[in-house]
Amino acid sequence: MPKTTKYVAKVPDADGVIHYTAQENAVWRDLVAQQQPNVERLAAAPFLTGQRCLNLPVDRVPQCVEVSEVLEDLTGWRVAPVPALIGFGRFFKMLSEKTFPAASFIRDRESFDYIEEPDIFHEIYGHTPLLTDPRFAKFSQRIGETGLASDPADYSWLIRLYWFTVEFGLIREGEQIKALGSGLASSPGELSHSIFGPSVIRKPFDVIDILRTPYRIDINQPIYFVLDDVEQLLEASERDLLVDIKKAQALGLHKPVFPPKPEAA
């Protein structure tokens, strides 16, 4: 996550409602219209099932309170608006409490196709469909619980397991590879890149390998990990991830397959 952002958090009223402008609602509408055909073609079945369960509005930004009503009935989760940037400690705590933190602003037209930090489109359109599924909800809560039990020095190691699954994971469905992660579902360019990109490295799902794999947030990923089935994710949630982190640290990070991020001028 970037350390700074040009966006300002939207504050809900006493009823938990955020009053988005007509222009902001139009950005949501146009993002959904652009992305939904690609999602229906390339996204994994659990994501599409979650979308149907939520039945999100297509012509306006959904409210966290209305999404929470559906999630609480299905998995006991809810969505809470937060500022654009929160630390790992708060992020893990919220996940452990079955609360998904949603950045409350929506991108502007200049960042329509790509935004480095998460916005409400990424959070609601990208993340909440999987939280309707008890298996993915359990995995996310487990990440949060492990984060609370971790030292801050271990946060960057643990978050890689979340990054390469919930955010940018792939999964096999029959003879096809489909997109599972929220970062893919909400990204017009990276969704297709992850599945068809000729230079992309697609590796089998392996917890230790994932923990050792560095990533950059500001580029299309050069490496993705592919689940054979959702059960692999459930098995990962039952592991002693703190032990896994120590093992990965002892082995060290893999050499990045991408160039270092340019320093800001």
Protein backbone atom coordinates (compact mmCIF):
# COMPACT_ATOMS: atom_id res chain seq x y z
CA MET A 1 0.00 0.00 0.00
CA PRO A 2 1.33 3.49 -0.78
CA LYS A 3 2.30 5.67 2.15
CA THR A 4 0.47 8.75 0.87
CA THR A 5 -2.67 9.39 -1.14
CA LYS A 6 -4.28 12.35 -2.86
CA TYR A 7 -7.73 11.14 -1.84
CA VAL A 8 -9.73 12.20 1.21
CA ALA A 9 -11.88 9.76 3.15
CA LYS A 10 -15.66 10.15 2.89
CA VAL A 11 -17.31 10.30 6.30
CA PRO A 12 -20.63 8.49 6.92
CA ASP A 13 -23.54 10.27 8.57
CA ALA A 14 -25.24 9.19 11.78
CA ASP A 15 -27.01 6.38 9.93
CA GLY A 16 -23.77 5.06 8.43
CA VAL A 17 -24.59 6.43 4.98
CA ILE A 18 -21.98 8.15 2.82
CA HIS A 19 -23.40 10.77 0.49
CA TYR A 20 -21.60 10.28 -2.81
CA THR A 21 -21.96 12.89 -5.52
CA ALA A 22 -23.60 12.27 -8.87
CA GLN A 23 -20.13 12.32 -10.45
CA GLU A 24 -18.85 9.70 -8.00
CA ASN A 25 -21.87 7.47 -8.62
CA ALA A 26 -21.24 7.82 -12.34
CA VAL A 27 -17.65 6.58 -11.90
CA TRP A 28 -18.98 3.48 -10.11
CA ARG A 29 -21.56 2.93 -12.86
CA ASP A 30 -18.98 3.19 -15.62
CA LEU A 31 -16.45 0.98 -13.80
CA VAL A 32 -19.04 -1.77 -13.37
CA ALA A 33 -20.15 -1.47 -17.01
CA GLN A 34 -16.55 -1.82 -18.17
CA GLN A 35 -15.49 -4.62 -15.83
CA GLN A 36 -18.52 -6.88 -15.44
CA PRO A 37 -18.33 -8.54 -18.91
CA ASN A 38 -14.66 -9.40 -18.25
CA VAL A 39 -15.45 -10.73 -14.79
CA GLU A 40 -18.23 -12.94 -16.09
CA ARG A 41 -15.81 -14.40 -18.62
CA LEU A 42 -12.66 -14.74 -16.52
CA ALA A 43 -13.55 -14.82 -12.82
CA ALA A 44 -13.82 -18.00 -10.77
CA ALA A 45 -17.15 -19.53 -9.80
CA PRO A 46 -16.95 -18.58 -6.08
CA PHE A 47 -16.55 -14.92 -7.02
CA LEU A 48 -19.46 -14.98 -9.46
CA THR A 49 -21.65 -16.77 -6.92
CA GLY A 50 -20.76 -14.11 -4.36
CA GLN A 51 -21.73 -11.37 -6.78
CA ARG A 52 -25.14 -12.92 -7.25
CA CYS A 53 -25.61 -13.18 -3.49
CA LEU A 54 -24.79 -9.51 -2.98
CA ASN A 55 -26.68 -8.14 -5.98
CA LEU A 56 -24.75 -4.89 -5.77
CA PRO A 57 -26.26 -1.79 -7.39
CA VAL A 58 -24.77 -0.98 -10.77
CA ASP A 59 -25.76 2.68 -11.00
CA ARG A 60 -24.42 4.02 -7.69
CA VAL A 61 -21.79 3.36 -5.05
CA PRO A 62 -23.10 0.73 -2.60
CA GLN A 63 -23.32 1.64 1.07
CA CYS A 64 -21.28 -0.37 3.58
CA VAL A 65 -24.34 -0.75 5.78
CA GLU A 66 -26.39 -2.45 3.04
CA VAL A 67 -23.54 -4.76 2.06
CA SER A 68 -23.02 -5.63 5.72
CA GLU A 69 -26.65 -6.72 6.07
CA VAL A 70 -26.14 -9.41 3.44
CA LEU A 71 -22.71 -10.51 4.69
CA GLU A 72 -23.82 -10.77 8.32
CA ASP A 73 -26.60 -13.17 7.35
CA LEU A 74 -24.25 -15.33 5.27
CA THR A 75 -20.92 -15.37 7.12
CA GLY A 76 -21.15 -12.98 10.08
CA TRP A 77 -18.92 -10.40 8.39
CA ARG A 78 -19.51 -6.70 7.93
CA VAL A 79 -17.87 -3.84 6.04
CA ALA A 80 -16.70 -0.67 7.76
CA PRO A 81 -15.53 2.52 6.01
CA VAL A 82 -11.99 3.61 6.83
CA PRO A 83 -9.55 6.28 5.62
CA ALA A 84 -7.66 5.51 2.43
CA LEU A 85 -4.61 4.22 4.28
CA ILE A 86 -4.52 2.12 7.45
CA GLY A 87 -1.63 0.23 8.99
CA PHE A 88 -1.17 -3.52 8.99
CA GLY A 89 -1.89 -3.72 12.72
CA ARG A 90 -5.35 -2.19 12.35
CA PHE A 91 -5.98 -4.20 9.19
CA PHE A 92 -5.24 -7.51 10.91
CA LYS A 93 -7.33 -6.57 13.95
CA MET A 94 -10.35 -5.77 11.81
CA LEU A 95 -10.06 -9.02 9.87
CA SER A 96 -9.81 -10.96 13.13
CA GLU A 97 -13.11 -9.36 14.15
CA LYS A 98 -14.83 -10.30 10.87
CA THR A 99 -14.81 -6.70 9.72
CA PHE A 100 -13.54 -5.75 6.30
CA PRO A 101 -12.02 -2.24 6.13
CA ALA A 102 -13.25 -0.39 3.07
CA ALA A 103 -11.57 2.81 1.88
CA SER A 104 -14.54 5.13 1.48
CA PHE A 105 -13.50 7.29 -1.50
CA ILE A 106 -13.86 6.37 -5.16
CA ARG A 107 -11.20 7.05 -7.79
CA ASP A 108 -11.42 10.02 -10.12
CA ARG A 109 -11.62 9.85 -13.90
CA GLU A 110 -7.87 10.39 -14.24
CA SER A 111 -7.27 7.08 -12.41
CA PHE A 112 -10.21 5.26 -13.96
CA ASP A 113 -8.28 2.25 -15.28
CA TYR A 114 -5.61 2.04 -12.60
CA ILE A 115 -5.28 3.26 -9.03
CA GLU A 116 -2.43 2.28 -6.75
CA GLU A 117 -4.27 2.52 -3.46
CA PRO A 118 -7.54 0.67 -2.80
CA ASP A 119 -10.77 2.60 -3.30
CA ILE A 120 -14.41 1.71 -2.66
CA PHE A 121 -14.70 0.02 -6.06
CA HIS A 122 -11.81 -2.30 -5.25
CA GLU A 123 -13.11 -2.91 -1.73
CA ILE A 124 -16.79 -3.55 -2.45
CA TYR A 125 -16.80 -4.82 -6.03
CA GLY A 126 -13.52 -6.71 -5.62
CA HIS A 127 -13.51 -8.04 -2.06
CA THR A 128 -17.00 -8.56 -0.73
CA PRO A 129 -18.16 -11.29 -3.15
CA LEU A 130 -15.65 -13.76 -1.67
CA LEU A 131 -16.69 -12.79 1.86
CA THR A 132 -20.12 -14.29 1.15
CA ASP A 133 -18.38 -17.69 1.04
CA PRO A 134 -17.64 -19.19 4.50
CA ARG A 135 -14.39 -20.71 3.22
CA PHE A 136 -12.86 -17.41 2.13
CA ALA A 137 -14.34 -15.61 5.12
CA LYS A 138 -12.62 -18.11 7.42
CA PHE A 139 -9.29 -17.71 5.62
CA SER A 140 -9.44 -13.91 5.90
CA GLN A 141 -10.24 -14.11 9.60
CA ARG A 142 -7.33 -16.52 10.09
CA ILE A 143 -4.97 -14.05 8.43
CA GLY A 144 -6.17 -11.40 10.85
CA GLU A 145 -5.74 -13.64 13.89
CA THR A 146 -2.25 -14.62 12.80
CA GLY A 147 -1.38 -10.96 12.26
CA LEU A 148 -2.43 -10.13 15.81
CA ALA A 149 -0.14 -12.87 17.11
CA SER A 150 2.77 -11.73 14.95
CA ASP A 151 5.55 -9.27 15.63
CA PRO A 152 5.35 -6.14 13.46
CA ALA A 153 8.58 -7.29 11.77
CA ASP A 154 6.63 -10.29 10.45
CA TYR A 155 3.72 -8.32 8.96
CA SER A 156 5.27 -7.93 5.52
CA TRP A 157 5.85 -11.70 5.36
CA LEU A 158 2.31 -12.64 6.38
CA ILE A 159 0.65 -10.16 4.06
CA ARG A 160 2.17 -11.94 1.07
CA LEU A 161 -0.12 -14.91 1.73
CA TYR A 162 -3.11 -12.57 1.59
CA TRP A 163 -1.73 -10.73 -1.44
CA PHE A 164 -1.18 -13.82 -3.58
CA THR A 165 -4.55 -15.39 -2.71
CA VAL A 166 -7.35 -13.02 -1.72
CA GLU A 167 -5.92 -10.12 -3.72
CA PHE A 168 -4.25 -11.72 -6.75
CA GLY A 169 -4.91 -15.45 -6.59
CA LEU A 170 -5.78 -17.72 -9.50
CA ILE A 171 -7.58 -21.07 -9.35
CA ARG A 172 -8.06 -24.04 -11.67
CA GLU A 173 -11.56 -24.84 -12.84
CA GLY A 174 -11.44 -27.94 -15.00
CA GLU A 175 -8.99 -27.25 -17.81
CA GLN A 176 -9.10 -23.49 -17.32
CA ILE A 177 -7.40 -21.04 -14.99
CA LYS A 178 -9.73 -18.42 -13.56
CA ALA A 179 -9.19 -15.24 -11.54
CA LEU A 180 -10.03 -15.42 -7.87
CA GLY A 181 -8.45 -12.37 -6.25
CA SER A 182 -10.16 -9.06 -5.63
CA GLY A 183 -7.30 -7.07 -7.14
CA LEU A 184 -7.89 -8.90 -10.41
CA ALA A 185 -11.66 -8.60 -10.34
CA SER A 186 -11.47 -4.83 -9.91
CA SER A 187 -8.63 -4.18 -12.38
CA PRO A 188 -9.57 -3.81 -16.06
CA GLY A 189 -6.04 -4.47 -17.31
CA GLU A 190 -4.63 -6.98 -14.85
CA LEU A 191 -7.56 -9.40 -14.99
CA SER A 192 -6.77 -10.38 -18.58
CA HIS A 193 -3.01 -10.07 -18.01
CA SER A 194 -3.07 -12.61 -15.19
CA ILE A 195 -4.66 -15.31 -17.31
CA PHE A 196 -3.38 -14.61 -20.83
CA GLY A 197 -0.19 -12.59 -20.36
CA PRO A 198 2.60 -14.44 -22.25
CA SER A 199 5.32 -13.31 -19.84
CA VAL A 200 3.40 -14.20 -16.68
CA ILE A 201 4.81 -16.87 -14.36
CA ARG A 202 2.01 -19.01 -12.91
CA LYS A 203 3.22 -21.15 -10.03
CA PRO A 204 1.48 -23.89 -8.04
CA PHE A 205 0.12 -22.81 -4.68
CA ASP A 206 2.69 -23.30 -1.93
CA VAL A 207 2.61 -21.41 1.36
CA ILE A 208 6.37 -21.20 1.94
CA ASP A 209 7.03 -20.22 -1.67
CA ILE A 210 4.41 -17.47 -1.40
CA LEU A 211 5.84 -16.10 1.84
CA ARG A 212 9.24 -15.79 0.15
CA THR A 213 7.96 -14.03 -2.98
CA PRO A 214 8.33 -10.22 -3.08
CA TYR A 215 5.84 -8.10 -4.97
CA ARG A 216 5.23 -4.54 -6.08
CA ILE A 217 1.84 -2.90 -5.74
CA ASP A 218 2.22 -0.44 -8.62
CA ILE A 219 2.61 -2.85 -11.56
CA ASN A 220 0.83 -5.81 -13.07
CA GLN A 221 2.10 -8.82 -11.18
CA PRO A 222 4.75 -10.90 -12.99
CA ILE A 223 4.01 -13.93 -10.76
CA TYR A 224 0.69 -15.48 -9.72
CA PHE A 225 -0.02 -18.58 -7.65
CA VAL A 226 -2.66 -21.03 -8.81
CA LEU A 227 -4.86 -22.98 -6.41
CA ASP A 228 -5.98 -26.43 -7.52
CA ASP A 229 -9.13 -26.01 -5.43
CA VAL A 230 -10.49 -23.99 -2.53
CA GLU A 231 -9.61 -26.78 -0.10
CA GLN A 232 -5.94 -25.79 -0.45
CA LEU A 233 -6.78 -22.42 1.00
CA LEU A 234 -8.63 -23.99 3.91
CA GLU A 235 -5.68 -26.28 4.57
CA ALA A 236 -3.39 -23.24 4.59
CA SER A 237 -5.61 -21.56 7.19
CA GLU A 238 -5.13 -24.54 9.50
CA ARG A 239 -1.33 -24.39 9.36
CA ASP A 240 0.81 -22.78 12.02
CA LEU A 241 1.52 -19.73 9.93
CA LEU A 242 3.86 -18.24 12.52
CA VAL A 243 6.10 -21.28 12.10
CA ASP A 244 5.79 -20.94 8.33
CA ILE A 245 6.89 -17.31 8.53
CA LYS A 246 10.00 -18.24 10.52
CA LYS A 247 10.85 -20.95 8.01
CA ALA A 248 10.43 -18.54 5.11
CA GLN A 249 12.61 -15.96 6.85
CA ALA A 250 15.34 -18.53 7.41
CA LEU A 251 15.28 -19.43 3.71
CA GLY A 252 15.16 -15.77 2.65
CA LEU A 253 13.27 -13.88 -0.03
CA HIS A 254 13.40 -14.98 -3.64
CA LYS A 255 15.18 -12.63 -6.00
CA PRO A 256 12.58 -10.25 -7.46
CA VAL A 257 11.68 -10.80 -11.10
CA PHE A 258 10.74 -7.13 -11.49
CA PRO A 259 12.88 -3.97 -11.41
CA PRO A 260 12.99 -1.88 -8.22
CA LYS A 261 10.39 0.84 -7.89
CA PRO A 262 11.75 4.20 -9.14
CA GLU A 263 12.40 6.75 -6.45
CA ALA A 264 10.06 9.73 -6.44
CA ALA A 265 11.57 12.89 -7.86
